[in-house]
Amino acid sequence: MNTYRIIKIIDEYKVVINAGTDDLIRYSTKFEVFVEGEEIFDPVTNESLGTLDTIKARLKVHTLFKKMTICISDEYTEKQSSIAQAALSISAFATPISVRKPLNIDATEISGGLVSGEKIKVGDLVRKSTH
């Protein structure tokens, strides 16, 4: 799989990558900005299972050029009005809240590996997304 790089940050909504129509990028192409993580091995076979990569952002094409592409975020967040938030907080007292049940794991086996909240920088790796 080809990897590209962030070559310019236009603003908080747009970045430029070093791939374009010459690289067969189309308006339907999706990307992910990522940090390559540690290589993970199967504990029984010792086979490499790949790397545990952190996805910083998911992008979609905004404007295409021959050798570069302007991309915008392909992630959305919901914002509610203050009236809707107030109504939600009142109804929360009457509605049970679901909490995710933790897995029954051996805490000494926790090794982490995923990093969140990293800022996108010029030079970050980018690849086509499989999503």
Protein backbone atom coordinates (compact mmCIF):
# COMPACT_ATOMS: atom_id res chain seq x y z
CA MET A 1 0.00 0.00 0.00
CA ASN A 2 1.34 3.44 -0.92
CA THR A 3 1.95 5.93 1.84
CA TYR A 4 1.91 9.66 1.33
CA ARG A 5 2.61 12.62 3.58
CA ILE A 6 0.92 15.77 4.81
CA ILE A 7 2.84 18.51 2.98
CA LYS A 8 0.84 21.58 4.02
CA ILE A 9 -1.77 22.47 6.60
CA ILE A 10 -4.05 25.12 5.14
CA ASP A 11 -6.25 25.59 8.20
CA GLU A 12 -8.00 23.51 10.83
CA TYR A 13 -10.26 22.05 8.14
CA LYS A 14 -7.92 21.44 5.18
CA VAL A 15 -4.58 19.71 4.64
CA VAL A 16 -2.59 18.96 1.48
CA ILE A 17 -1.03 15.57 0.75
CA ASN A 18 1.66 14.73 -1.79
CA ALA A 19 -0.49 12.57 -4.07
CA GLY A 20 -2.89 13.49 -6.84
CA THR A 21 -4.42 12.30 -10.09
CA ASP A 22 -0.99 11.09 -11.26
CA ASP A 23 -1.19 8.64 -8.31
CA LEU A 24 -4.71 7.50 -9.31
CA ILE A 25 -6.36 9.51 -6.52
CA ARG A 26 -10.05 10.19 -7.26
CA TYR A 27 -12.77 12.20 -5.56
CA SER A 28 -14.08 8.98 -4.02
CA THR A 29 -10.72 8.12 -2.40
CA LYS A 30 -10.61 8.13 1.41
CA PHE A 31 -7.46 8.50 3.49
CA GLU A 32 -6.28 8.10 7.06
CA VAL A 33 -3.49 10.01 8.77
CA PHE A 34 -1.65 7.51 10.94
CA VAL A 35 1.28 6.83 13.20
CA GLU A 36 2.88 3.45 12.68
CA GLY A 37 2.79 1.52 15.92
CA GLU A 38 4.75 -1.34 17.35
CA GLU A 39 4.91 -4.62 15.48
CA ILE A 40 2.69 -7.29 17.08
CA PHE A 41 3.62 -10.99 17.03
CA ASP A 42 1.42 -14.03 17.60
CA PRO A 43 2.55 -15.44 20.98
CA VAL A 44 2.21 -19.05 19.78
CA THR A 45 3.55 -18.96 16.21
CA ASN A 46 5.76 -15.87 16.56
CA GLU A 47 4.28 -14.72 13.22
CA SER A 48 4.17 -10.97 12.67
CA LEU A 49 0.55 -9.81 12.63
CA GLY A 50 1.40 -6.28 11.50
CA THR A 51 1.66 -3.01 13.36
CA LEU A 52 -0.74 -1.52 15.90
CA ASP A 53 -1.21 1.81 14.12
CA THR A 54 -2.89 4.87 15.59
CA ILE A 55 -5.32 6.70 13.28
CA LYS A 56 -5.07 10.45 13.84
CA ALA A 57 -7.78 11.41 11.36
CA ARG A 58 -9.89 10.16 8.47
CA LEU A 59 -9.87 12.36 5.36
CA LYS A 60 -11.72 12.71 2.09
CA VAL A 61 -10.78 14.50 -1.11
CA HIS A 62 -11.80 18.14 -1.47
CA THR A 63 -9.73 19.32 -4.49
CA LEU A 64 -7.56 17.28 -6.85
CA PHE A 65 -4.37 18.33 -8.63
CA LYS A 66 -1.91 16.25 -10.66
CA LYS A 67 0.61 15.79 -7.86
CA MET A 68 -1.25 16.86 -4.71
CA THR A 69 -4.68 16.79 -3.11
CA ILE A 70 -6.47 19.07 -0.68
CA CYS A 71 -8.25 16.88 1.88
CA ILE A 72 -10.87 17.64 4.51
CA SER A 73 -11.99 15.72 7.57
CA ASP A 74 -14.26 12.74 6.99
CA GLU A 75 -15.29 12.62 10.66
CA TYR A 76 -18.28 14.33 12.20
CA THR A 77 -19.30 15.34 15.67
CA GLU A 78 -22.79 16.15 16.89
CA LYS A 79 -23.43 19.41 18.66
CA GLN A 80 -26.64 20.15 20.47
CA SER A 81 -28.21 23.47 21.26
CA SER A 82 -28.20 24.59 24.91
CA ILE A 83 -31.95 23.89 25.08
CA ALA A 84 -31.44 20.33 23.85
CA GLN A 85 -28.57 19.83 26.32
CA ALA A 86 -30.74 21.04 29.21
CA ALA A 87 -33.56 18.70 28.18
CA LEU A 88 -31.08 15.84 27.91
CA SER A 89 -29.65 16.47 31.39
CA ILE A 90 -33.14 16.53 32.95
CA SER A 91 -34.19 13.31 31.22
CA ALA A 92 -30.93 11.64 32.26
CA PHE A 93 -32.26 11.35 35.81
CA ALA A 94 -35.22 9.31 34.63
CA THR A 95 -33.31 7.17 32.12
CA PRO A 96 -30.84 4.47 33.18
CA ILE A 97 -27.32 5.07 31.89
CA SER A 98 -25.54 2.19 30.21
CA VAL A 99 -21.94 1.68 31.26
CA ARG A 100 -19.65 -0.63 29.35
CA LYS A 101 -18.76 -3.73 31.35
CA PRO A 102 -14.97 -4.17 31.56
CA LEU A 103 -13.32 -7.32 30.26
CA ASN A 104 -12.01 -9.80 32.83
CA ILE A 105 -8.34 -9.38 31.96
CA ASP A 106 -5.03 -9.90 33.74
CA ALA A 107 -3.96 -6.31 34.48
CA THR A 108 -0.28 -7.28 34.33
CA GLU A 109 -0.76 -8.07 30.62
CA ILE A 110 -1.84 -4.51 29.71
CA SER A 111 0.75 -3.02 27.37
CA GLY A 112 -1.09 -0.06 25.80
CA GLY A 113 -0.06 0.80 22.29
CA LEU A 114 -2.70 3.15 20.98
CA VAL A 115 -2.17 6.88 21.32
CA SER A 116 -5.04 9.32 21.00
CA GLY A 117 -5.32 13.05 20.64
CA GLU A 118 -2.10 13.52 18.67
CA LYS A 119 -2.05 16.64 16.55
CA ILE A 120 -1.60 16.38 12.78
CA LYS A 121 1.75 17.77 11.60
CA VAL A 122 3.48 18.40 8.28
CA GLY A 123 5.30 15.17 7.42
CA ASP A 124 2.70 12.85 8.95
CA LEU A 125 2.08 9.61 7.10
CA VAL A 126 -1.12 9.20 5.05
CA ARG A 127 -2.51 6.11 3.32
CA LYS A 128 -5.66 5.16 1.46
CA SER A 129 -8.34 4.03 3.86
CA THR A 130 -10.00 0.64 3.65
CA HIS A 131 -13.21 2.05 5.22
